[in-house]
Amino acid sequence: MKIAIIGAGNLGLSIATGILNSGAATTMYLTRRYPEALREFEAYGNVVTSSDNRMAVSKSDIIIFAVQPGDFPDVLQSVADLFSDNHVIISTITGFSIGEIEAITGPERFIIRAMPNTAISVAHSMTCLCSNEHGKTRLELAEAIFNRMGHSMIIPEDRMQAATVICASGIAFWMRLIRATTQGAIQLGFDAEEAQELAMHTSRGAAELLIQSGRHPEAEIDRVTTPMGCTIEGLNEMEHQGLSASLIRGIITSFEKISEIRKG
């Protein structure tokens, strides 16, 4: 597949790294305003870097847009005349609806919205997908691409903003939890490097247990808590201090903010 990533910033480069490392592209075109920052990607051998969005679109089959939301309408308009009946358009732009894309490209295009997170660069992204009516026939293709870089889920478009909070912002939320666990481990006597290693791999193991077993988190909690034990004592203190409530409040606050931005 010939894939173009228009707007190779932090997210765009994470996607590029994931695709290239998974071998999903025969040729990749990466564009940004100042392409000098992309030169290292040319070492892959099948990557072309440029500031020319029109060239990248004209030579590709799948176009992934990862530009800033404020730039997207102008960028999309500047290449819209190049789209053919075979192009698959994938937008990672927060808050920019399929209807708004169709208003520029026309509804007859294969249009897919994707919300990955930065863990796509290490093949562990949780990516949510939705499409227009025409694009439903290409969702399987999008799933195949993003499943090579983690896990994907098809959802209705009206849940994409919520998915942005849970999956994209969620990376930052989990990083903060890992940092807090690291700080606790340091207070218990581990040095900083050891503490982070313990926190990282324990959180990874917890997620993998749920993924592989399919069990509810409380079922796994029950397996490691004993009557009057240290685990339940710690969990109860965390809940007394508002752990679950503060996480939920943070998620809702993020969602309210993204909704406010969208309305603005």
Protein backbone atom coordinates (compact mmCIF):
# COMPACT_ATOMS: atom_id res chain seq x y z
CA MET A 1 0.00 0.00 0.00
CA LYS A 2 1.09 3.54 -0.74
CA ILE A 3 0.31 5.66 2.30
CA ALA A 4 0.64 9.42 2.75
CA ILE A 5 0.64 11.08 6.15
CA ILE A 6 -0.22 14.74 5.75
CA GLY A 7 1.00 16.66 8.78
CA ALA A 8 3.79 14.56 10.25
CA GLY A 9 3.92 16.08 13.75
CA ASN A 10 3.90 14.11 17.01
CA LEU A 11 0.85 11.97 16.24
CA GLY A 12 1.62 11.70 12.54
CA LEU A 13 5.14 10.46 13.23
CA SER A 14 3.85 7.99 15.83
CA ILE A 15 1.50 6.59 13.19
CA ALA A 16 4.30 6.53 10.62
CA THR A 17 6.61 4.67 12.97
CA GLY A 18 3.94 2.09 13.74
CA ILE A 19 3.08 1.52 10.09
CA LEU A 20 6.70 1.30 8.99
CA ASN A 21 7.71 -1.07 11.79
CA SER A 22 4.74 -3.32 11.01
CA GLY A 23 5.56 -3.42 7.30
CA ALA A 24 2.10 -2.18 6.31
CA ALA A 25 3.32 0.26 3.64
CA THR A 26 5.20 -0.40 0.43
CA THR A 27 5.84 3.33 0.08
CA MET A 28 5.17 6.16 2.52
CA TYR A 29 5.01 9.90 1.92
CA LEU A 30 5.47 12.16 4.95
CA THR A 31 4.73 15.86 4.69
CA ARG A 32 5.06 18.86 6.94
CA ARG A 33 5.79 22.54 6.45
CA TYR A 34 9.49 22.11 7.25
CA PRO A 35 10.40 18.56 6.13
CA GLU A 36 14.01 18.79 7.35
CA ALA A 37 12.76 17.36 10.66
CA LEU A 38 11.67 14.20 8.81
CA ARG A 39 14.96 13.30 7.16
CA GLU A 40 15.76 10.46 9.58
CA PHE A 41 12.72 8.57 8.29
CA GLU A 42 14.31 8.33 4.86
CA ALA A 43 16.61 5.69 6.36
CA TYR A 44 13.71 3.23 6.07
CA GLY A 45 14.31 3.29 2.32
CA ASN A 46 10.66 3.42 1.26
CA VAL A 47 9.88 6.85 2.73
CA VAL A 48 9.69 10.14 0.85
CA THR A 49 9.64 13.35 2.89
CA SER A 50 8.34 16.61 1.49
CA SER A 51 6.38 19.79 2.10
CA ASP A 52 4.33 19.08 -1.05
CA ASN A 53 0.95 17.74 0.06
CA ARG A 54 -0.37 17.53 -3.50
CA MET A 55 2.50 15.32 -4.61
CA ALA A 56 1.98 13.00 -1.64
CA VAL A 57 -1.76 12.68 -2.26
CA SER A 58 -1.38 12.09 -5.99
CA LYS A 59 1.08 9.23 -5.43
CA SER A 60 -0.77 7.45 -2.60
CA ASP A 61 -3.75 5.15 -2.14
CA ILE A 62 -4.44 5.89 1.54
CA ILE A 63 -4.26 9.45 2.85
CA ILE A 64 -3.96 9.96 6.62
CA PHE A 65 -4.48 13.54 7.77
CA ALA A 66 -2.80 14.44 11.07
CA VAL A 67 -2.56 18.24 10.77
CA GLN A 68 -3.64 20.73 13.42
CA PRO A 69 -7.45 21.11 13.57
CA GLY A 70 -7.30 24.80 12.62
CA ASP A 71 -5.27 23.99 9.49
CA PHE A 72 -7.33 21.02 8.33
CA PRO A 73 -10.04 22.78 6.25
CA ASP A 74 -7.47 24.69 4.15
CA VAL A 75 -5.19 21.65 3.77
CA LEU A 76 -8.07 19.40 2.75
CA GLN A 77 -9.41 21.99 0.31
CA SER A 78 -5.97 22.36 -1.28
CA VAL A 79 -5.84 18.68 -2.30
CA ALA A 80 -9.55 17.83 -2.71
CA ASP A 81 -9.42 17.98 -6.51
CA LEU A 82 -6.81 15.19 -6.52
CA PHE A 83 -8.97 12.56 -4.82
CA SER A 84 -9.93 9.66 -7.08
CA ASP A 85 -12.60 6.99 -6.69
CA ASN A 86 -9.97 4.71 -5.14
CA HIS A 87 -8.53 6.99 -2.48
CA VAL A 88 -9.23 6.16 1.17
CA ILE A 89 -9.26 9.31 3.31
CA ILE A 90 -8.48 8.81 6.99
CA SER A 91 -8.77 11.78 9.34
CA THR A 92 -7.26 11.81 12.83
CA ILE A 93 -8.42 15.41 13.39
CA THR A 94 -10.16 15.92 16.72
CA GLY A 95 -13.63 17.45 16.45
CA PHE A 96 -13.80 17.61 12.66
CA SER A 97 -16.88 15.63 11.62
CA ILE A 98 -17.40 13.37 8.65
CA GLY A 99 -20.06 15.79 7.42
CA GLU A 100 -17.55 18.63 7.42
CA ILE A 101 -15.08 16.49 5.46
CA GLU A 102 -17.78 15.50 2.96
CA ALA A 103 -18.65 19.17 2.46
CA ILE A 104 -15.17 19.62 1.00
CA THR A 105 -14.53 16.26 -0.70
CA GLY A 106 -18.07 15.15 -1.55
CA PRO A 107 -19.95 12.22 0.05
CA GLU A 108 -18.87 9.75 -2.63
CA ARG A 109 -15.37 9.43 -1.12
CA PHE A 110 -14.24 6.67 1.23
CA ILE A 111 -13.98 8.70 4.45
CA ILE A 112 -12.88 7.25 7.79
CA ARG A 113 -12.21 8.98 11.08
CA ALA A 114 -9.56 7.35 13.28
CA MET A 115 -8.65 8.21 16.85
CA PRO A 116 -5.40 6.43 17.73
CA ASN A 117 -3.08 7.35 20.58
CA THR A 118 0.67 7.85 20.69
CA ALA A 119 1.23 4.23 21.75
CA ILE A 120 0.74 3.47 18.06
CA SER A 121 4.50 4.04 17.68
CA VAL A 122 5.14 0.90 19.79
CA ALA A 123 2.25 -1.12 18.30
CA HIS A 124 -0.03 -0.78 21.34
CA SER A 125 -2.53 1.89 20.32
CA MET A 126 -6.22 1.71 21.15
CA THR A 127 -7.73 3.16 17.97
CA CYS A 128 -11.41 3.99 17.44
CA LEU A 129 -12.82 4.11 13.92
CA CYS A 130 -15.98 5.36 12.24
CA SER A 131 -16.88 6.15 8.63
CA ASN A 132 -19.35 7.70 6.24
CA GLU A 133 -21.77 5.42 4.36
CA HIS A 134 -19.40 5.03 1.42
CA GLY A 135 -16.45 4.38 3.70
CA LYS A 136 -18.07 1.40 5.42
CA THR A 137 -16.68 -0.78 2.64
CA ARG A 138 -13.15 0.29 3.63
CA LEU A 139 -13.45 -0.07 7.42
CA GLU A 140 -12.06 -3.58 7.23
CA LEU A 141 -8.97 -2.18 5.50
CA ALA A 142 -8.59 0.50 8.19
CA GLU A 143 -8.96 -2.15 10.90
CA ALA A 144 -6.27 -4.26 9.25
CA ILE A 145 -3.88 -1.29 9.25
CA PHE A 146 -4.50 -0.17 12.83
CA ASN A 147 -4.70 -3.70 14.27
CA ARG A 148 -1.10 -4.15 13.19
CA MET A 149 -0.29 -1.33 15.59
CA GLY A 150 -2.45 -2.32 18.53
CA HIS A 151 -6.20 -2.82 18.80
CA SER A 152 -9.07 -1.07 17.03
CA MET A 153 -12.80 -0.69 17.63
CA ILE A 154 -15.54 0.55 15.28
CA ILE A 155 -17.87 2.98 17.06
CA PRO A 156 -20.60 5.46 16.08
CA GLU A 157 -19.30 8.89 15.18
CA ASP A 158 -21.17 10.52 18.06
CA ARG A 159 -18.85 8.69 20.48
CA MET A 160 -15.60 9.89 18.89
CA GLN A 161 -15.17 12.80 21.30
CA ALA A 162 -15.59 10.47 24.26
CA ALA A 163 -13.11 8.06 22.65
CA THR A 164 -10.62 10.92 22.34
CA VAL A 165 -10.75 11.43 26.11
CA ILE A 166 -10.58 7.73 27.03
CA CYS A 167 -7.95 6.65 24.50
CA ALA A 168 -5.88 9.67 23.46
CA SER A 169 -5.99 11.75 26.64
CA GLY A 170 -6.08 8.45 28.50
CA ILE A 171 -2.41 7.87 27.73
CA ALA A 172 -1.58 10.92 29.85
CA PHE A 173 -3.93 9.76 32.62
CA TRP A 174 -2.23 6.38 32.83
CA MET A 175 1.22 7.99 32.70
CA ARG A 176 0.29 10.03 35.76
CA LEU A 177 -0.85 6.88 37.60
CA ILE A 178 2.41 5.17 36.72
CA ARG A 179 4.34 8.20 37.95
CA ALA A 180 2.44 8.19 41.24
CA THR A 181 3.20 4.49 41.71
CA THR A 182 6.84 5.23 40.95
CA GLN A 183 6.91 7.94 43.59
CA GLY A 184 5.39 5.55 46.11
CA ALA A 185 8.04 2.94 45.32
CA ILE A 186 10.79 5.51 45.83
CA GLN A 187 9.34 6.39 49.22
CA LEU A 188 9.51 2.69 50.10
CA GLY A 189 13.22 2.55 49.32
CA PHE A 190 13.68 1.79 45.62
CA ASP A 191 15.82 4.08 43.52
CA ALA A 192 14.09 6.06 40.76
CA GLU A 193 15.02 3.74 37.90
CA GLU A 194 13.99 0.60 39.77
CA ALA A 195 10.76 2.24 40.92
CA GLN A 196 9.71 3.18 37.39
CA GLU A 197 10.55 -0.29 36.09
CA LEU A 198 8.39 -1.86 38.79
CA ALA A 199 5.49 0.49 38.08
CA MET A 200 5.63 0.15 34.29
CA HIS A 201 5.71 -3.62 34.14
CA THR A 202 3.13 -4.07 36.88
CA SER A 203 0.64 -1.83 35.04
CA ARG A 204 1.39 -3.65 31.80
CA GLY A 205 0.75 -6.99 33.51
CA ALA A 206 -2.55 -5.79 34.98
CA ALA A 207 -3.85 -4.80 31.53
CA GLU A 208 -2.62 -8.03 29.94
CA LEU A 209 -4.41 -10.10 32.59
CA LEU A 210 -7.72 -8.48 31.65
CA ILE A 211 -7.07 -8.71 27.90
CA GLN A 212 -6.21 -12.40 27.99
CA SER A 213 -8.69 -13.54 30.63
CA GLY A 214 -11.65 -11.37 29.66
CA ARG A 215 -12.45 -11.01 33.36
CA HIS A 216 -13.76 -7.92 35.11
CA PRO A 217 -11.14 -5.88 37.04
CA GLU A 218 -12.88 -6.66 40.34
CA ALA A 219 -12.47 -10.39 39.67
CA GLU A 220 -8.70 -9.91 39.38
CA ILE A 221 -8.70 -7.69 42.48
CA ASP A 222 -10.41 -10.47 44.43
CA ARG A 223 -7.59 -12.83 43.43
CA VAL A 224 -4.96 -10.70 45.18
CA THR A 225 -6.86 -9.47 48.23
CA THR A 226 -7.03 -11.49 51.43
CA PRO A 227 -9.05 -10.80 54.58
CA MET A 228 -7.32 -8.15 56.73
CA GLY A 229 -4.44 -8.10 54.22
CA CYS A 230 -2.23 -5.28 52.99
CA THR A 231 -3.84 -5.08 49.52
CA ILE A 232 -7.38 -4.41 50.71
CA GLU A 233 -6.04 -2.00 53.32
CA GLY A 234 -4.27 -0.02 50.60
CA LEU A 235 -7.25 -0.12 48.22
CA ASN A 236 -9.64 1.11 50.89
CA GLU A 237 -7.34 4.01 51.78
CA MET A 238 -7.06 4.98 48.11
CA GLU A 239 -10.85 5.00 47.80
CA HIS A 240 -11.19 7.02 51.02
CA GLN A 241 -8.86 9.57 49.40
CA GLY A 242 -11.03 9.64 46.27
CA LEU A 243 -9.01 7.63 43.73
CA SER A 244 -11.91 6.36 41.60
CA ALA A 245 -13.97 9.51 42.02
CA SER A 246 -11.11 11.80 41.01
CA LEU A 247 -10.36 9.70 37.93
CA ILE A 248 -13.97 9.78 36.83
CA ARG A 249 -14.19 13.53 37.49
CA GLY A 250 -11.03 14.08 35.45
CA ILE A 251 -12.45 12.10 32.52
CA ILE A 252 -15.73 14.01 32.60
CA THR A 253 -13.89 17.34 32.86
CA SER A 254 -11.79 16.47 29.81
CA PHE A 255 -14.92 15.52 27.90
CA GLU A 256 -16.62 18.78 28.85
CA LYS A 257 -13.55 20.69 27.64
CA ILE A 258 -13.38 18.93 24.29
CA SER A 259 -17.12 19.53 23.84
CA GLU A 260 -16.60 23.23 24.62
CA ILE A 261 -13.78 23.45 22.07
CA ARG A 262 -15.96 21.73 19.48
CA LYS A 263 -18.82 24.20 20.03
CA GLY A 264 -16.41 27.11 19.78
